[in-house]
Amino acid sequence: MLGTINGDADNNGGKDNPIPVSARVMNTSQDIPDEMHSDLVGSKTVHNGGSMLGVMEDFIRIGEAMGYAMEGSVNDLATIIDQQGDDNVIR
């Protein structure tokens, strides 16, 4: 294993170090708070029904979470609501 530990090269496969580099990295990585991930990730549930506005809201929320600029989609959603009216929007 080739890596660096405290600035020193580890060119001998980690033989001098009792813990491999990858184990040390995993032990020092930060924990992810429960609110940062969802139990529904990877869910194969089929969702029947719903609204296009709900799908657009989810699309925007996911895009923002991934770091994309979603202003255009937000503007499109606002235009759709303006054109269709907001009488049927569930709040």
PDB file of N, CA and C in Angstrom:
ATOM      1  N   MET A   1       0.855  -1.171   0.000  1.00  0.00           N
ATOM      2  CA  MET A   1       0.000   0.000   0.000  1.00  0.00           C
ATOM      3  C   MET A   1       0.897   1.228   0.000  1.00  0.00           C
ATOM      4  N   LEU A   2       0.656   2.162  -0.884  1.00  0.00           N
ATOM      5  CA  LEU A   2       1.441   3.381  -0.975  1.00  0.00           C
ATOM      6  C   LEU A   2       0.596   4.527  -0.450  1.00  0.00           C
ATOM      7  N   GLY A   3       1.100   5.220   0.535  1.00  0.00           N
ATOM      8  CA  GLY A   3       0.355   6.336   1.093  1.00  0.00           C
ATOM      9  C   GLY A   3       1.264   7.182   1.942  1.00  0.00           C
ATOM     10  N   THR A   4       0.709   8.218   2.517  1.00  0.00           N
ATOM     11  CA  THR A   4       1.504   9.045   3.416  1.00  0.00           C
ATOM     12  C   THR A   4       0.819   9.084   4.763  1.00  0.00           C
ATOM     13  N   ILE A   5       1.643   9.020   5.782  1.00  0.00           N
ATOM     14  CA  ILE A   5       1.141   9.068   7.147  1.00  0.00           C
ATOM     15  C   ILE A   5       1.953  10.121   7.878  1.00  0.00           C
ATOM     16  N   ASN A   6       1.279  11.166   8.343  1.00  0.00           N
ATOM     17  CA  ASN A   6       1.950  12.272   9.024  1.00  0.00           C
ATOM     18  C   ASN A   6       3.086  12.840   8.185  1.00  0.00           C
ATOM     19  N   GLY A   7       2.908  12.886   6.874  1.00  0.00           N
ATOM     20  CA  GLY A   7       3.904  13.452   5.983  1.00  0.00           C
ATOM     21  C   GLY A   7       5.004  12.486   5.594  1.00  0.00           C
ATOM     22  N   ASP A   8       5.085  11.298   6.209  1.00  0.00           N
ATOM     23  CA  ASP A   8       6.115  10.316   5.882  1.00  0.00           C
ATOM     24  C   ASP A   8       5.563   9.323   4.875  1.00  0.00           C
ATOM     25  N   ALA A   9       6.354   9.019   3.869  1.00  0.00           N
ATOM     26  CA  ALA A   9       5.913   8.064   2.855  1.00  0.00           C
ATOM     27  C   ALA A   9       5.847   6.679   3.464  1.00  0.00           C
ATOM     28  N   ASP A  10       4.837   5.923   3.097  1.00  0.00           N
ATOM     29  CA  ASP A  10       4.667   4.546   3.534  1.00  0.00           C
ATOM     30  C   ASP A  10       4.851   3.684   2.293  1.00  0.00           C
ATOM     31  N   ASN A  11       6.086   3.373   1.959  1.00  0.00           N
ATOM     32  CA  ASN A  11       6.377   2.646   0.728  1.00  0.00           C
ATOM     33  C   ASN A  11       6.572   1.157   0.945  1.00  0.00           C
ATOM     34  N   ASN A  12       6.388   0.679   2.133  1.00  0.00           N
ATOM     35  CA  ASN A  12       6.619  -0.737   2.387  1.00  0.00           C
ATOM     36  C   ASN A  12       5.318  -1.485   2.651  1.00  0.00           C
ATOM     37  N   GLY A  13       4.259  -1.027   2.094  1.00  0.00           N
ATOM     38  CA  GLY A  13       2.985  -1.728   2.222  1.00  0.00           C
ATOM     39  C   GLY A  13       2.366  -1.618   3.589  1.00  0.00           C
ATOM     40  N   GLY A  14       2.791  -0.655   4.377  1.00  0.00           N
ATOM     41  CA  GLY A  14       2.198  -0.473   5.692  1.00  0.00           C
ATOM     42  C   GLY A  14       2.705  -1.452   6.723  1.00  0.00           C
ATOM     43  N   LYS A  15       3.813  -2.148   6.467  1.00  0.00           N
ATOM     44  CA  LYS A  15       4.309  -3.168   7.388  1.00  0.00           C
ATOM     45  C   LYS A  15       4.762  -2.578   8.716  1.00  0.00           C
ATOM     46  N   ASP A  16       5.265  -1.334   8.695  1.00  0.00           N
ATOM     47  CA  ASP A  16       5.707  -0.704   9.939  1.00  0.00           C
ATOM     48  C   ASP A  16       4.543  -0.119  10.732  1.00  0.00           C
ATOM     49  N   ASN A  17       3.406  -0.002  10.105  1.00  0.00           N
ATOM     50  CA  ASN A  17       2.242   0.609  10.737  1.00  0.00           C
ATOM     51  C   ASN A  17       1.203  -0.469  11.015  1.00  0.00           C
ATOM     52  N   PRO A  18       0.798  -0.635  12.276  1.00  0.00           N
ATOM     53  CA  PRO A  18      -0.147  -1.708  12.600  1.00  0.00           C
ATOM     54  C   PRO A  18      -1.528  -1.509  11.981  1.00  0.00           C
ATOM     55  N   ILE A  19      -1.935  -0.266  11.716  1.00  0.00           N
ATOM     56  CA  ILE A  19      -3.251   0.000  11.141  1.00  0.00           C
ATOM     57  C   ILE A  19      -3.056   0.492   9.716  1.00  0.00           C
ATOM     58  N   PRO A  20      -3.671  -0.164   8.726  1.00  0.00           N
ATOM     59  CA  PRO A  20      -3.528   0.305   7.340  1.00  0.00           C
ATOM     60  C   PRO A  20      -4.089   1.716   7.174  1.00  0.00           C
ATOM     61  N   VAL A  21      -3.596   2.418   6.155  1.00  0.00           N
ATOM     62  CA  VAL A  21      -4.015   3.797   5.903  1.00  0.00           C
ATOM     63  C   VAL A  21      -5.524   3.889   5.737  1.00  0.00           C
ATOM     64  N   SER A  22      -6.130   2.965   4.982  1.00  0.00           N
ATOM     65  CA  SER A  22      -7.573   3.050   4.735  1.00  0.00           C
ATOM     66  C   SER A  22      -8.367   2.913   6.029  1.00  0.00           C
ATOM     67  N   ALA A  23      -7.904   2.085   6.958  1.00  0.00           N
ATOM     68  CA  ALA A  23      -8.615   1.935   8.228  1.00  0.00           C
ATOM     69  C   ALA A  23      -8.522   3.217   9.041  1.00  0.00           C
ATOM     70  N   ARG A  24      -7.356   3.883   8.994  1.00  0.00           N
ATOM     71  CA  ARG A  24      -7.209   5.139   9.717  1.00  0.00           C
ATOM     72  C   ARG A  24      -8.103   6.215   9.128  1.00  0.00           C
ATOM     73  N   VAL A  25      -8.218   6.239   7.811  1.00  0.00           N
ATOM     74  CA  VAL A  25      -9.092   7.222   7.165  1.00  0.00           C
ATOM     75  C   VAL A  25     -10.535   6.973   7.569  1.00  0.00           C
ATOM     76  N   MET A  26     -10.949   5.723   7.558  1.00  0.00           N
ATOM     77  CA  MET A  26     -12.329   5.401   7.918  1.00  0.00           C
ATOM     78  C   MET A  26     -12.607   5.733   9.381  1.00  0.00           C
ATOM     79  N   ASN A  27     -11.622   5.548  10.248  1.00  0.00           N
ATOM     80  CA  ASN A  27     -11.827   5.839  11.666  1.00  0.00           C
ATOM     81  C   ASN A  27     -11.889   7.331  11.944  1.00  0.00           C
ATOM     82  N   THR A  28     -11.299   8.138  11.080  1.00  0.00           N
ATOM     83  CA  THR A  28     -11.292   9.578  11.317  1.00  0.00           C
ATOM     84  C   THR A  28     -12.307  10.322  10.465  1.00  0.00           C
ATOM     85  N   SER A  29     -13.061   9.615   9.635  1.00  0.00           N
ATOM     86  CA  SER A  29     -14.062  10.304   8.820  1.00  0.00           C
ATOM     87  C   SER A  29     -15.203  10.766   9.713  1.00  0.00           C
ATOM     88  N   GLN A  30     -15.870  11.822   9.287  1.00  0.00           N
ATOM     89  CA  GLN A  30     -16.927  12.382  10.118  1.00  0.00           C
ATOM     90  C   GLN A  30     -18.205  11.574   9.980  1.00  0.00           C
ATOM     91  N   ASP A  31     -18.974  11.552  11.040  1.00  0.00           N
ATOM     92  CA  ASP A  31     -20.269  10.884  11.023  1.00  0.00           C
ATOM     93  C   ASP A  31     -21.279  11.771  10.318  1.00  0.00           C
ATOM     94  N   ILE A  32     -22.230  11.142   9.633  1.00  0.00           N
ATOM     95  CA  ILE A  32     -23.288  11.873   8.947  1.00  0.00           C
ATOM     96  C   ILE A  32     -24.502  11.902   9.866  1.00  0.00           C
ATOM     97  N   PRO A  33     -24.997  13.089  10.205  1.00  0.00           N
ATOM     98  CA  PRO A  33     -26.190  13.165  11.059  1.00  0.00           C
ATOM     99  C   PRO A  33     -27.381  12.477  10.396  1.00  0.00           C
ATOM    100  N   ASP A  34     -28.272  11.938  11.224  1.00  0.00           N
ATOM    101  CA  ASP A  34     -29.430  11.219  10.705  1.00  0.00           C
ATOM    102  C   ASP A  34     -30.280  12.068   9.780  1.00  0.00           C
ATOM    103  N   GLU A  35     -30.372  13.380  10.049  1.00  0.00           N
ATOM    104  CA  GLU A  35     -31.225  14.214   9.212  1.00  0.00           C
ATOM    105  C   GLU A  35     -30.618  14.466   7.833  1.00  0.00           C
ATOM    106  N   MET A  36     -29.355  14.071   7.614  1.00  0.00           N
ATOM    107  CA  MET A  36     -28.698  14.304   6.334  1.00  0.00           C
ATOM    108  C   MET A  36     -28.957  13.186   5.326  1.00  0.00           C
ATOM    109  N   HIS A  37     -29.533  12.092   5.755  1.00  0.00           N
ATOM    110  CA  HIS A  37     -29.819  11.022   4.811  1.00  0.00           C
ATOM    111  C   HIS A  37     -31.231  10.508   5.038  1.00  0.00           C
ATOM    112  N   SER A  38     -31.733   9.795   4.065  1.00  0.00           N
ATOM    113  CA  SER A  38     -33.113   9.347   4.113  1.00  0.00           C
ATOM    114  C   SER A  38     -33.172   7.832   4.139  1.00  0.00           C
ATOM    115  N   ASP A  39     -34.147   7.302   4.828  1.00  0.00           N
ATOM    116  CA  ASP A  39     -34.358   5.860   4.816  1.00  0.00           C
ATOM    117  C   ASP A  39     -34.934   5.399   3.487  1.00  0.00           C
ATOM    118  N   LEU A  40     -35.414   6.337   2.681  1.00  0.00           N
ATOM    119  CA  LEU A  40     -36.035   5.979   1.414  1.00  0.00           C
ATOM    120  C   LEU A  40     -35.043   5.916   0.262  1.00  0.00           C
ATOM    121  N   VAL A  41     -33.780   6.177   0.510  1.00  0.00           N
ATOM    122  CA  VAL A  41     -32.785   6.115  -0.553  1.00  0.00           C
ATOM    123  C   VAL A  41     -32.699   4.678  -1.037  1.00  0.00           C
ATOM    124  N   GLY A  42     -32.809   4.494  -2.330  1.00  0.00           N
ATOM    125  CA  GLY A  42     -32.755   3.161  -2.899  1.00  0.00           C
ATOM    126  C   GLY A  42     -34.096   2.445  -2.853  1.00  0.00           C
ATOM    127  N   SER A  43     -35.112   3.105  -2.404  1.00  0.00           N
ATOM    128  CA  SER A  43     -36.433   2.501  -2.345  1.00  0.00           C
ATOM    129  C   SER A  43     -36.949   2.246  -3.747  1.00  0.00           C
ATOM    130  N   LYS A  44     -37.539   1.092  -3.941  1.00  0.00           N
ATOM    131  CA  LYS A  44     -38.081   0.741  -5.250  1.00  0.00           C
ATOM    132  C   LYS A  44     -39.606   0.824  -5.253  1.00  0.00           C
ATOM    133  N   THR A  45     -40.140   1.626  -4.361  1.00  0.00           N
ATOM    134  CA  THR A  45     -41.578   1.796  -4.262  1.00  0.00           C
ATOM    135  C   THR A  45     -42.091   2.572  -5.463  1.00  0.00           C
ATOM    136  N   VAL A  46     -43.176   2.076  -6.063  1.00  0.00           N
ATOM    137  CA  VAL A  46     -43.798   2.775  -7.179  1.00  0.00           C
ATOM    138  C   VAL A  46     -44.824   3.736  -6.603  1.00  0.00           C
ATOM    139  N   HIS A  47     -44.735   4.984  -7.005  1.00  0.00           N
ATOM    140  CA  HIS A  47     -45.668   5.994  -6.528  1.00  0.00           C
ATOM    141  C   HIS A  47     -46.700   6.245  -7.615  1.00  0.00           C
ATOM    142  N   ASN A  48     -47.937   5.914  -7.328  1.00  0.00           N
ATOM    143  CA  ASN A  48     -49.027   6.172  -8.267  1.00  0.00           C
ATOM    144  C   ASN A  48     -49.758   7.426  -7.833  1.00  0.00           C
ATOM    145  N   GLY A  49     -50.158   8.216  -8.798  1.00  0.00           N
ATOM    146  CA  GLY A  49     -50.882   9.439  -8.489  1.00  0.00           C
ATOM    147  C   GLY A  49     -49.926  10.567  -8.185  1.00  0.00           C
ATOM    148  N   GLY A  50     -50.415  11.584  -7.505  1.00  0.00           N
ATOM    149  CA  GLY A  50     -49.589  12.743  -7.211  1.00  0.00           C
ATOM    150  C   GLY A  50     -49.779  13.807  -8.268  1.00  0.00           C
ATOM    151  N   SER A  51     -48.980  14.833  -8.189  1.00  0.00           N
ATOM    152  CA  SER A  51     -49.123  15.924  -9.142  1.00  0.00           C
ATOM    153  C   SER A  51     -47.788  16.246  -9.781  1.00  0.00           C
ATOM    154  N   MET A  52     -47.855  16.865 -10.922  1.00  0.00           N
ATOM    155  CA  MET A  52     -46.649  17.299 -11.613  1.00  0.00           C
ATOM    156  C   MET A  52     -45.924  18.364 -10.794  1.00  0.00           C
ATOM    157  N   LEU A  53     -46.672  19.198 -10.094  1.00  0.00           N
ATOM    158  CA  LEU A  53     -46.049  20.217  -9.256  1.00  0.00           C
ATOM    159  C   LEU A  53     -45.236  19.575  -8.135  1.00  0.00           C
ATOM    160  N   GLY A  54     -45.749  18.500  -7.566  1.00  0.00           N
ATOM    161  CA  GLY A  54     -45.012  17.777  -6.532  1.00  0.00           C
ATOM    162  C   GLY A  54     -43.726  17.182  -7.072  1.00  0.00           C
ATOM    163  N   VAL A  55     -43.797  16.649  -8.282  1.00  0.00           N
ATOM    164  CA  VAL A  55     -42.603  16.092  -8.918  1.00  0.00           C
ATOM    165  C   VAL A  55     -41.583  17.195  -9.169  1.00  0.00           C
ATOM    166  N   MET A  56     -42.051  18.352  -9.649  1.00  0.00           N
ATOM    167  CA  MET A  56     -41.149  19.482  -9.894  1.00  0.00           C
ATOM    168  C   MET A  56     -40.497  19.954  -8.593  1.00  0.00           C
ATOM    169  N   GLU A  57     -41.278  20.012  -7.509  1.00  0.00           N
ATOM    170  CA  GLU A  57     -40.720  20.423  -6.223  1.00  0.00           C
ATOM    171  C   GLU A  57     -39.631  19.455  -5.766  1.00  0.00           C
ATOM    172  N   ASP A  58     -39.878  18.146  -5.919  1.00  0.00           N
ATOM    173  CA  ASP A  58     -38.871  17.149  -5.558  1.00  0.00           C
ATOM    174  C   ASP A  58     -37.630  17.285  -6.428  1.00  0.00           C
ATOM    175  N   PHE A  59     -37.835  17.504  -7.722  1.00  0.00           N
ATOM    176  CA  PHE A  59     -36.736  17.685  -8.668  1.00  0.00           C
ATOM    177  C   PHE A  59     -35.858  18.868  -8.254  1.00  0.00           C
ATOM    178  N   ILE A  60     -36.488  19.965  -7.884  1.00  0.00           N
ATOM    179  CA  ILE A  60     -35.760  21.167  -7.470  1.00  0.00           C
ATOM    180  C   ILE A  60     -35.024  20.915  -6.157  1.00  0.00           C
ATOM    181  N   ARG A  61     -35.694  20.280  -5.207  1.00  0.00           N
ATOM    182  CA  ARG A  61     -35.081  20.001  -3.904  1.00  0.00           C
ATOM    183  C   ARG A  61     -33.852  19.101  -4.059  1.00  0.00           C
ATOM    184  N   ILE A  62     -33.963  18.072  -4.878  1.00  0.00           N
ATOM    185  CA  ILE A  62     -32.844  17.151  -5.089  1.00  0.00           C
ATOM    186  C   ILE A  62     -31.711  17.848  -5.826  1.00  0.00           C
ATOM    187  N   GLY A  63     -32.049  18.638  -6.842  1.00  0.00           N
ATOM    188  CA  GLY A  63     -31.022  19.373  -7.580  1.00  0.00           C
ATOM    189  C   GLY A  63     -30.252  20.321  -6.690  1.00  0.00           C
ATOM    190  N   GLU A  64     -30.961  21.030  -5.815  1.00  0.00           N
ATOM    191  CA  GLU A  64     -30.293  21.947  -4.885  1.00  0.00           C
ATOM    192  C   GLU A  64     -29.403  21.184  -3.912  1.00  0.00           C
ATOM    193  N   ALA A  65     -29.877  20.020  -3.440  1.00  0.00           N
ATOM    194  CA  ALA A  65     -29.074  19.213  -2.520  1.00  0.00           C
ATOM    195  C   ALA A  65     -27.796  18.721  -3.184  1.00  0.00           C
ATOM    196  N   MET A  66     -27.846  18.509  -4.491  1.00  0.00           N
ATOM    197  CA  MET A  66     -26.669  18.054  -5.231  1.00  0.00           C
ATOM    198  C   MET A  66     -25.771  19.211  -5.642  1.00  0.00           C
ATOM    199  N   GLY A  67     -26.196  20.446  -5.363  1.00  0.00           N
ATOM    200  CA  GLY A  67     -25.362  21.603  -5.635  1.00  0.00           C
ATOM    201  C   GLY A  67     -25.635  22.288  -6.956  1.00  0.00           C
ATOM    202  N   TYR A  68     -26.693  21.915  -7.639  1.00  0.00           N
ATOM    203  CA  TYR A  68     -27.022  22.547  -8.914  1.00  0.00           C
ATOM    204  C   TYR A  68     -27.791  23.846  -8.686  1.00  0.00           C
ATOM    205  N   ALA A  69     -27.602  24.799  -9.582  1.00  0.00           N
ATOM    206  CA  ALA A  69     -28.375  26.040  -9.554  1.00  0.00           C
ATOM    207  C   ALA A  69     -29.730  25.733 -10.186  1.00  0.00           C
ATOM    208  N   MET A  70     -30.779  25.875  -9.426  1.00  0.00           N
ATOM    209  CA  MET A  70     -32.109  25.468  -9.884  1.00  0.00           C
ATOM    210  C   MET A  70     -33.036  26.661 -10.092  1.00  0.00           C
ATOM    211  N   GLU A  71     -32.478  27.870 -10.250  1.00  0.00           N
ATOM    212  CA  GLU A  71     -33.312  29.061 -10.387  1.00  0.00           C
ATOM    213  C   GLU A  71     -34.248  28.966 -11.588  1.00  0.00           C
ATOM    214  N   GLY A  72     -33.754  28.450 -12.709  1.00  0.00           N
ATOM    215  CA  GLY A  72     -34.597  28.319 -13.899  1.00  0.00           C
ATOM    216  C   GLY A  72     -35.780  27.412 -13.653  1.00  0.00           C
ATOM    217  N   SER A  73     -35.555  26.306 -12.961  1.00  0.00           N
ATOM    218  CA  SER A  73     -36.643  25.383 -12.655  1.00  0.00           C
ATOM    219  C   SER A  73     -37.626  25.997 -11.669  1.00  0.00           C
ATOM    220  N   VAL A  74     -37.117  26.761 -10.713  1.00  0.00           N
ATOM    221  CA  VAL A  74     -37.998  27.449  -9.764  1.00  0.00           C
ATOM    222  C   VAL A  74     -38.871  28.445 -10.511  1.00  0.00           C
ATOM    223  N   ASN A  75     -38.273  29.170 -11.450  1.00  0.00           N
ATOM    224  CA  ASN A  75     -39.046  30.129 -12.253  1.00  0.00           C
ATOM    225  C   ASN A  75     -40.087  29.414 -13.102  1.00  0.00           C
ATOM    226  N   ASP A  76     -39.725  28.265 -13.685  1.00  0.00           N
ATOM    227  CA  ASP A  76     -40.688  27.485 -14.469  1.00  0.00           C
ATOM    228  C   ASP A  76     -41.850  27.027 -13.595  1.00  0.00           C
ATOM    229  N   LEU A  77     -41.545  26.577 -12.389  1.00  0.00           N
ATOM    230  CA  LEU A  77     -42.593  26.136 -11.471  1.00  0.00           C
ATOM    231  C   LEU A  77     -43.512  27.293 -11.116  1.00  0.00           C
ATOM    232  N   ALA A  78     -42.942  28.463 -10.867  1.00  0.00           N
ATOM    233  CA  ALA A  78     -43.757  29.643 -10.559  1.00  0.00           C
ATOM    234  C   ALA A  78     -44.635  30.015 -11.750  1.00  0.00           C
ATOM    235  N   THR A  79     -44.103  29.891 -12.965  1.00  0.00           N
ATOM    236  CA  THR A  79     -44.889  30.190 -14.168  1.00  0.00           C
ATOM    237  C   THR A  79     -46.050  29.219 -14.311  1.00  0.00           C
ATOM    238  N   ILE A  80     -45.798  27.939 -14.068  1.00  0.00           N
ATOM    239  CA  ILE A  80     -46.866  26.929 -14.156  1.00  0.00           C
ATOM    240  C   ILE A  80     -47.959  27.239 -13.144  1.00  0.00           C
ATOM    241  N   ILE A  81     -47.571  27.567 -11.921  1.00  0.00           N
ATOM    242  CA  ILE A  81     -48.565  27.877 -10.889  1.00  0.00           C
ATOM    243  C   ILE A  81     -49.345  29.130 -11.266  1.00  0.00           C
ATOM    244  N   ASP A  82     -48.655  30.142 -11.815  1.00  0.00           N
ATOM    245  CA  ASP A  82     -49.347  31.363 -12.247  1.00  0.00           C
ATOM    246  C   ASP A  82     -50.355  31.069 -13.345  1.00  0.00           C
ATOM    247  N   GLN A  83     -49.982  30.218 -14.295  1.00  0.00           N
ATOM    248  CA  GLN A  83     -50.866  29.916 -15.420  1.00  0.00           C
ATOM    249  C   GLN A  83     -52.038  29.040 -15.005  1.00  0.00           C
ATOM    250  N   GLN A  84     -51.798  28.073 -14.134  1.00  0.00           N
ATOM    251  CA  GLN A  84     -52.843  27.135 -13.736  1.00  0.00           C
ATOM    252  C   GLN A  84     -53.660  27.642 -12.556  1.00  0.00           C
ATOM    253  N   GLY A  85     -53.096  28.557 -11.810  1.00  0.00           N
ATOM    254  CA  GLY A  85     -53.754  29.016 -10.591  1.00  0.00           C
ATOM    255  C   GLY A  85     -53.292  28.181  -9.421  1.00  0.00           C
ATOM    256  N   ASP A  86     -53.446  28.721  -8.245  1.00  0.00           N
ATOM    257  CA  ASP A  86     -53.008  27.982  -7.061  1.00  0.00           C
ATOM    258  C   ASP A  86     -54.178  27.493  -6.223  1.00  0.00           C
ATOM    259  N   ASP A  87     -55.366  27.405  -6.815  1.00  0.00           N
ATOM    260  CA  ASP A  87     -56.539  26.941  -6.077  1.00  0.00           C
ATOM    261  C   ASP A  87     -56.417  25.480  -5.665  1.00  0.00           C
ATOM    262  N   ASN A  88     -55.740  24.672  -6.476  1.00  0.00           N
ATOM    263  CA  ASN A  88     -55.665  23.241  -6.213  1.00  0.00           C
ATOM    264  C   ASN A  88     -54.348  22.817  -5.576  1.00  0.00           C
ATOM    265  N   VAL A  89     -53.537  23.772  -5.142  1.00  0.00           N
ATOM    266  CA  VAL A  89     -52.255  23.446  -4.532  1.00  0.00           C
ATOM    267  C   VAL A  89     -52.491  23.058  -3.082  1.00  0.00           C
ATOM    268  N   ILE A  90     -51.986  21.887  -2.707  1.00  0.00           N
ATOM    269  CA  ILE A  90     -52.115  21.418  -1.326  1.00  0.00           C
ATOM    270  C   ILE A  90     -51.042  22.095  -0.500  1.00  0.00           C
ATOM    271  N   ARG A  91     -51.436  22.710   0.590  1.00  0.00           N
ATOM    272  CA  ARG A  91     -50.474  23.424   1.441  1.00  0.00           C
ATOM    273  C   ARG A  91     -50.353  22.751   2.764  1.00  0.00           C
TER     274      ARG A  91
END
